[in-house]
């Protein structure tokens, strides 16, 4: 219950140590602090004791001393029945509810951790804003081009306008397809189709399929037979190859290496300007772009790496990026060693 069972009964700040109401508070799924008229913490339930690491032998004590959060004292002092507080020391966001206790002068402060809810709300807001940003340009271009066609342009211009309409429609279709694929992956609707294949052959096929117009150096690793979903791994590798080609100066080479240790690691390195470390974790987020000024045609929509990350996770692996020692950026795909049939 909310009172400390280890303290003698006569020291408890309640008429009964077995009070049913106190027992309910003790087992409550949210933190609860009992405060006196001076806003000192008299007692705390199990969740509050664990969250704030409260030593009950030191109670009663000031609210700030117990929680290390001055914002909570501000909330209590204002007597606001409900409020939202950002906890600096604990780096959490909580919803507070202050209610009178059964004893005069005392009150109970309830705290509900809403950090994840606020994070999800922020992610949702950013997602909508980014989606609007990505769709606004092709929609605007479609409208302007259609209006140009309505103006009965010269025959020589009609084909150019029509080609522009098709191009912008294809861009919008690609965004929708990518979002649908992300949704399928995240909801688990995308099943694995396990086959056995040669990894070097998959890499060579990906290079040929993409039609990369620059040298691609694949290391001389002996043939590796792997057993996993070939299509998903091919898409992940292809996305990284395509990404390396887009962000490297024309004519520069792309290096592909495979290493076998505790994991099977595939690395793809470009010779571009590289990515600042503060972006390394965020480049795998939806619509995240290191350089937003880069044209969509060359820089994509900021969905390719997000899809790649989820594909690799579906395969049981992990993905990350680092700066290459010789310059440029390198992306790594690590798969469980169990996917190897021979090494």
Protein backbone atom coordinates (compact mmCIF):
# COMPACT_ATOMS: atom_id res chain seq x y z
CA UNK A 1 0.00 0.00 0.00
CA UNK A 2 1.05 3.63 -0.15
CA UNK A 3 2.36 3.68 3.40
CA UNK A 4 5.71 2.14 4.23
CA UNK A 5 4.99 -1.25 5.79
CA UNK A 6 8.48 -1.29 7.32
CA UNK A 7 7.72 1.64 9.63
CA UNK A 8 6.04 1.03 13.01
CA UNK A 9 2.30 1.40 12.97
CA UNK A 10 2.34 4.35 15.35
CA UNK A 11 4.58 6.25 12.88
CA UNK A 12 2.27 5.74 9.94
CA UNK A 13 0.45 8.93 8.76
CA UNK A 14 -2.89 7.13 8.66
CA UNK A 15 -5.46 5.75 11.04
CA UNK A 16 -4.98 2.15 9.78
CA UNK A 17 -2.00 0.41 8.21
CA UNK A 18 -4.39 -1.95 6.46
CA UNK A 19 -6.71 0.68 5.12
CA UNK A 20 -8.29 -0.64 1.91
CA UNK A 21 -7.97 2.70 0.15
CA UNK A 22 -4.26 2.84 0.94
CA UNK A 23 -3.84 -0.72 -0.35
CA UNK A 24 -5.47 0.30 -3.63
CA UNK A 25 -3.11 3.24 -3.97
CA UNK A 26 -0.13 1.00 -3.29
CA UNK A 27 -1.06 -1.26 -6.19
CA UNK A 28 -2.07 1.56 -8.55
CA UNK A 29 -0.37 1.43 -11.99
CA UNK A 30 0.57 5.11 -11.74
CA UNK A 31 2.84 6.95 -9.32
CA UNK A 32 1.15 8.47 -6.25
CA UNK A 33 2.70 10.77 -3.64
CA UNK A 34 0.97 11.72 -0.37
CA UNK A 35 1.74 15.35 0.54
CA UNK A 36 1.14 17.27 3.76
CA UNK A 37 0.06 20.90 4.05
CA UNK A 38 3.69 22.03 3.59
CA UNK A 39 3.99 20.02 0.36
CA UNK A 40 6.30 17.51 1.97
CA UNK A 41 6.17 13.92 0.80
CA UNK A 42 4.74 11.77 3.59
CA UNK A 43 4.49 8.52 1.68
CA UNK A 44 4.67 7.04 -1.82
CA UNK A 45 3.24 4.00 -3.53
CA UNK A 46 5.26 1.25 -5.20
CA UNK A 47 5.41 2.87 -8.65
CA UNK A 48 6.51 6.23 -7.22
CA UNK A 49 9.14 4.62 -5.00
CA UNK A 50 10.64 2.79 -7.96
CA UNK A 51 10.46 5.76 -10.35
CA UNK A 52 11.97 8.33 -8.00
CA UNK A 53 14.15 5.82 -6.09
CA UNK A 54 12.64 6.94 -2.82
CA UNK A 55 14.19 5.88 0.48
CA UNK A 56 11.14 5.74 2.74
CA UNK A 57 13.28 5.94 5.86
CA UNK A 58 14.00 9.58 4.94
CA UNK A 59 10.31 10.54 4.78
CA UNK A 60 8.74 12.95 5.36
CA UNK A 61 10.87 15.19 3.15
CA UNK A 62 10.41 18.07 0.74
CA UNK A 63 8.97 17.28 -2.68
CA UNK A 64 12.06 18.57 -4.49
CA UNK A 65 14.40 16.58 -2.25
CA UNK A 66 12.44 13.39 -2.88
CA UNK A 67 11.85 13.76 -6.63
CA UNK A 68 14.70 16.11 -7.69
CA UNK A 69 12.09 17.88 -9.83
CA UNK A 70 11.37 21.55 -9.10
CA UNK A 71 8.64 21.58 -11.76
CA UNK A 72 6.50 19.29 -9.59
CA UNK A 73 6.72 21.76 -6.71
CA UNK A 74 5.52 24.50 -9.08
CA UNK A 75 2.56 22.35 -10.09
CA UNK A 76 1.62 21.55 -6.50
CA UNK A 77 2.10 25.15 -5.31
CA UNK A 78 -0.20 26.42 -8.05
CA UNK A 79 -2.86 23.95 -6.88
CA UNK A 80 -3.67 23.13 -10.49
CA UNK A 81 -5.93 20.04 -10.46
CA UNK A 82 -4.40 18.76 -13.70
CA UNK A 83 -1.25 19.73 -15.52
CA UNK A 84 1.54 18.45 -17.72
CA UNK A 85 5.14 18.58 -16.53
CA UNK A 86 8.45 17.92 -18.21
CA UNK A 87 10.75 16.26 -15.69
CA UNK A 88 14.29 17.53 -16.23
CA UNK A 89 16.19 15.06 -14.05
CA UNK A 90 14.25 11.99 -15.18
CA UNK A 91 13.78 13.20 -18.77
CA UNK A 92 10.14 12.17 -18.87
CA UNK A 93 6.85 13.92 -19.49
CA UNK A 94 4.12 13.28 -16.95
CA UNK A 95 0.47 14.17 -16.56
CA UNK A 96 -0.18 15.31 -12.99
CA UNK A 97 -3.44 15.18 -11.06
CA UNK A 98 -3.69 16.74 -7.61
CA UNK A 99 -6.60 15.64 -5.43
CA UNK A 100 -7.44 16.26 -1.74
CA UNK A 101 -6.70 13.44 0.65
CA UNK A 102 -9.15 12.23 3.26
CA UNK A 103 -7.20 14.09 5.94
CA UNK A 104 -7.41 17.88 6.13
CA UNK A 105 -4.41 19.64 4.63
CA UNK A 106 -3.11 16.57 2.85
CA UNK A 107 -3.27 15.88 -0.88
CA UNK A 108 -2.35 13.12 -3.27
CA UNK A 109 -0.30 13.82 -6.37
CA UNK A 110 -0.82 11.29 -9.16
CA UNK A 111 1.68 11.13 -12.03
CA UNK A 112 1.10 9.32 -15.32
CA UNK A 113 4.05 8.87 -17.68
CA UNK A 114 2.95 10.14 -21.11
CA UNK A 115 6.42 10.40 -22.66
CA UNK A 116 5.76 7.80 -25.33
CA UNK A 117 2.34 9.24 -26.12
CA UNK A 118 3.86 12.68 -26.69
CA UNK A 119 6.65 11.14 -28.76
CA UNK A 120 4.13 9.29 -30.95
CA UNK A 121 2.08 12.47 -31.34
CA UNK A 122 5.21 14.36 -32.41
CA UNK A 123 6.19 11.63 -34.85
CA UNK A 124 2.68 11.60 -36.29
CA UNK A 125 2.73 15.38 -36.67
CA UNK A 126 6.14 15.31 -38.36
CA UNK A 127 5.01 12.49 -40.63
CA UNK A 128 1.94 14.41 -41.81
CA UNK A 129 3.99 17.58 -42.32
CA UNK A 130 6.65 15.69 -44.30
CA UNK A 131 4.06 13.87 -46.39
CA UNK A 132 2.34 17.15 -47.24
CA UNK A 133 5.74 18.62 -48.16
CA UNK A 134 6.60 15.71 -50.46
CA UNK A 135 3.20 15.64 -52.20
CA UNK A 136 2.80 19.40 -52.55
CA UNK A 137 5.51 19.79 -55.19
CA UNK A 138 4.28 17.10 -57.64
CA UNK A 139 0.66 18.14 -57.16
CA UNK A 140 1.55 21.78 -57.87
CA UNK A 141 3.55 20.72 -60.93
CA UNK A 142 0.66 18.56 -62.15
CA UNK A 143 -1.77 21.45 -61.86
CA UNK A 144 0.50 23.96 -63.60
CA UNK A 145 1.24 21.53 -66.42
CA UNK A 146 -2.45 20.68 -66.84
CA UNK A 147 -3.30 24.39 -66.95
CA UNK A 148 -0.65 24.83 -69.63
CA UNK A 149 -2.29 22.10 -71.71
CA UNK A 150 -5.68 23.76 -71.26
CA UNK A 151 -4.16 26.86 -72.82
CA UNK A 152 -3.85 24.96 -76.14
CA UNK A 153 -0.04 25.13 -76.46
CA UNK A 154 1.86 24.67 -79.65
CA UNK A 155 2.01 21.04 -80.86
CA UNK A 156 5.75 20.87 -80.14
CA UNK A 157 5.09 21.74 -76.47
CA UNK A 158 2.22 19.33 -75.92
CA UNK A 159 4.44 16.25 -75.76
CA UNK A 160 6.78 17.93 -73.28
CA UNK A 161 3.84 18.86 -71.04
CA UNK A 162 2.39 15.35 -71.32
CA UNK A 163 5.75 13.81 -70.37
CA UNK A 164 5.90 16.12 -67.37
CA UNK A 165 2.44 14.98 -66.26
CA UNK A 166 3.49 11.32 -66.49
CA UNK A 167 6.72 12.01 -64.59
CA UNK A 168 5.00 13.79 -61.70
CA UNK A 169 2.28 11.12 -61.53
CA UNK A 170 4.99 8.45 -61.36
CA UNK A 171 6.70 10.31 -58.51
CA UNK A 172 3.46 10.43 -56.54
CA UNK A 173 2.82 6.77 -57.24
CA UNK A 174 6.29 5.90 -55.97
CA UNK A 175 5.69 7.76 -52.71
CA UNK A 176 2.41 5.89 -52.21
CA UNK A 177 3.99 2.52 -53.04
CA UNK A 178 6.84 3.15 -50.60
CA UNK A 179 4.45 4.14 -47.82
CA UNK A 180 2.31 1.07 -48.47
CA UNK A 181 5.38 -1.15 -48.30
CA UNK A 182 6.48 0.47 -45.03
CA UNK A 183 3.00 -0.12 -43.63
CA UNK A 184 3.05 -3.78 -44.67
CA UNK A 185 6.45 -4.31 -43.06
CA UNK A 186 5.57 -2.57 -39.80
CA UNK A 187 2.25 -4.41 -39.39
CA UNK A 188 3.87 -7.77 -40.07
CA UNK A 189 1.86 -8.29 -43.23
CA UNK A 190 5.00 -9.05 -45.23
CA UNK A 191 5.85 -12.75 -44.98
CA UNK A 192 9.33 -14.19 -45.43
CA UNK A 193 10.06 -16.45 -48.39
CA UNK A 194 13.25 -18.29 -47.52
CA UNK A 195 15.45 -19.57 -50.34
CA UNK A 196 19.12 -20.49 -50.71
CA UNK A 197 21.29 -18.44 -53.06
CA UNK A 198 24.78 -17.11 -53.69
CA UNK A 199 25.37 -13.73 -52.09
CA UNK A 200 27.87 -12.52 -54.71
CA UNK A 201 25.37 -13.34 -57.44
CA UNK A 202 22.71 -11.28 -55.64
CA UNK A 203 25.08 -8.29 -55.43
CA UNK A 204 26.04 -8.58 -59.11
CA UNK A 205 22.38 -8.85 -60.11
CA UNK A 206 21.54 -5.75 -58.07
CA UNK A 207 24.30 -3.74 -59.75
CA UNK A 208 23.14 -4.84 -63.21
CA UNK A 209 19.47 -4.21 -62.47
CA UNK A 210 20.11 -0.67 -61.25
CA UNK A 211 22.29 0.16 -64.25
CA UNK A 212 24.79 2.02 -62.05
CA UNK A 213 26.93 4.24 -64.26
CA UNK A 214 30.13 4.00 -62.23
CA UNK A 215 32.60 1.32 -61.10
CA UNK A 216 31.36 -1.02 -58.38
CA UNK A 217 34.19 -2.86 -56.63
CA UNK A 218 33.06 -6.10 -55.03
CA UNK A 219 35.59 -7.79 -52.76
CA UNK A 220 37.02 -11.18 -53.56
CA UNK A 221 35.21 -13.06 -50.80
CA UNK A 222 34.77 -16.76 -51.67
CA UNK A 223 31.22 -17.72 -52.73
CA UNK A 224 28.82 -17.50 -49.81
CA UNK A 225 25.64 -19.55 -49.85
CA UNK A 226 22.98 -17.95 -47.66
CA UNK A 227 19.46 -18.90 -46.71
CA UNK A 228 17.08 -15.96 -46.27
CA UNK A 229 14.48 -13.97 -48.20
CA UNK A 230 16.32 -13.14 -51.43
CA UNK A 231 13.90 -10.50 -52.68
CA UNK A 232 13.99 -8.50 -49.45
CA UNK A 233 17.76 -8.68 -49.14
CA UNK A 234 18.12 -7.71 -52.81
CA UNK A 235 15.89 -4.68 -52.26
CA UNK A 236 17.87 -3.63 -49.17
CA UNK A 237 21.22 -3.99 -50.95
CA UNK A 238 19.83 -2.30 -54.04
CA UNK A 239 18.56 0.66 -52.01
CA UNK A 240 22.01 1.17 -50.50
CA UNK A 241 23.73 0.86 -53.89
CA UNK A 242 21.29 3.34 -55.40
CA UNK A 243 21.80 5.67 -52.46
CA UNK A 244 25.60 5.47 -52.86
CA UNK A 245 25.31 6.28 -56.56
CA UNK A 246 23.04 9.28 -55.94
CA UNK A 247 25.24 10.90 -53.35
CA UNK A 248 28.66 10.35 -54.92
CA UNK A 249 30.43 12.52 -57.50
CA UNK A 250 30.04 11.18 -61.06
CA UNK A 251 32.60 8.55 -62.00
CA UNK A 252 33.65 7.70 -58.45
CA UNK A 253 33.60 4.06 -57.39
CA UNK A 254 31.35 2.24 -54.94
CA UNK A 255 32.95 -0.44 -52.75
CA UNK A 256 30.99 -3.51 -51.63
CA UNK A 257 32.49 -5.86 -49.06
CA UNK A 258 31.28 -8.93 -47.18
CA UNK A 259 32.76 -10.16 -43.93
CA UNK A 260 31.95 -13.24 -41.89
CA UNK A 261 32.38 -13.19 -38.11
CA UNK A 262 29.75 -13.41 -35.43
CA UNK A 263 27.49 -11.97 -38.13
CA UNK A 264 27.42 -11.78 -41.90
CA UNK A 265 28.17 -8.13 -42.64
CA UNK A 266 27.64 -6.45 -46.01
CA UNK A 267 29.11 -2.97 -46.32
CA UNK A 268 28.55 -0.47 -49.13
CA UNK A 269 30.80 2.58 -49.28
CA UNK A 270 30.51 5.68 -51.43
CA UNK A 271 33.00 8.47 -52.05
CA UNK A 272 30.61 11.34 -51.50
CA UNK A 273 30.84 14.22 -49.02
CA UNK A 274 29.77 11.99 -46.15
CA UNK A 275 27.17 12.54 -43.44
CA UNK A 276 27.72 14.43 -40.19
CA UNK A 277 27.54 12.11 -37.14
CA UNK A 278 24.45 13.87 -35.73
CA UNK A 279 22.48 12.57 -38.72
CA UNK A 280 23.64 8.95 -38.59
CA UNK A 281 20.75 7.58 -36.56
CA UNK A 282 18.11 9.81 -38.11
CA UNK A 283 18.82 9.00 -41.78
CA UNK A 284 16.74 5.84 -41.30
CA UNK A 285 13.62 7.82 -40.33
CA UNK A 286 10.80 8.36 -42.80
CA UNK A 287 11.21 11.47 -44.95
CA UNK A 288 14.40 12.47 -43.17
CA UNK A 289 16.83 14.20 -45.48
CA UNK A 290 20.30 15.44 -44.62
CA UNK A 291 20.07 18.00 -47.44
CA UNK A 292 16.49 19.14 -47.99
CA UNK A 293 17.58 21.45 -50.78
CA UNK A 294 18.60 18.49 -52.92
CA UNK A 295 16.21 17.92 -55.86
CA UNK A 296 13.72 15.08 -55.44
CA UNK A 297 14.85 13.46 -58.67
CA UNK A 298 18.40 13.02 -57.39
CA UNK A 299 17.87 12.79 -53.65
CA UNK A 300 14.70 10.70 -53.42
CA UNK A 301 11.88 11.16 -50.91
CA UNK A 302 13.64 10.17 -47.70
CA UNK A 303 11.87 6.79 -47.66
CA UNK A 304 14.50 4.46 -49.16
CA UNK A 305 16.65 4.12 -46.04
CA UNK A 306 13.56 3.78 -43.82
CA UNK A 307 12.37 0.88 -45.97
CA UNK A 308 15.86 -0.63 -45.98
CA UNK A 309 16.04 -0.51 -42.18
CA UNK A 310 12.70 -2.29 -41.81
CA UNK A 311 13.57 -4.89 -44.44
CA UNK A 312 16.81 -5.71 -42.64
CA UNK A 313 14.97 -5.97 -39.32
CA UNK A 314 12.42 -8.33 -40.88
CA UNK A 315 15.38 -10.49 -41.92
CA UNK A 316 16.54 -10.55 -38.30
CA UNK A 317 19.46 -8.17 -38.88
CA UNK A 318 20.53 -4.64 -38.12
CA UNK A 319 21.73 -1.65 -40.12
CA UNK A 320 23.90 1.37 -39.33
CA UNK A 321 26.19 3.90 -40.99
CA UNK A 322 29.62 5.35 -40.28
CA UNK A 323 32.13 7.62 -41.94
CA UNK A 324 34.57 5.70 -44.15
CA UNK A 325 38.19 6.00 -43.07
CA UNK A 326 39.27 6.88 -46.60
CA UNK A 327 36.45 9.38 -47.04
CA UNK A 328 32.79 9.07 -47.95
CA UNK A 329 30.10 7.18 -46.09
CA UNK A 330 29.67 3.46 -45.52
CA UNK A 331 26.42 1.63 -44.71
CA UNK A 332 26.42 -1.77 -43.02
CA UNK A 333 23.89 -4.60 -43.10
CA UNK A 334 24.53 -7.30 -40.49
CA UNK A 335 22.60 -10.57 -40.67
CA UNK A 336 22.68 -13.44 -38.15
CA UNK A 337 25.47 -15.92 -38.91
CA UNK A 338 22.79 -18.61 -39.02
CA UNK A 339 21.78 -17.46 -42.52
CA UNK A 340 25.07 -18.87 -43.86
CA UNK A 341 24.89 -22.28 -45.49
CA UNK A 342 28.62 -22.29 -46.22
CA UNK A 343 31.44 -19.89 -45.42
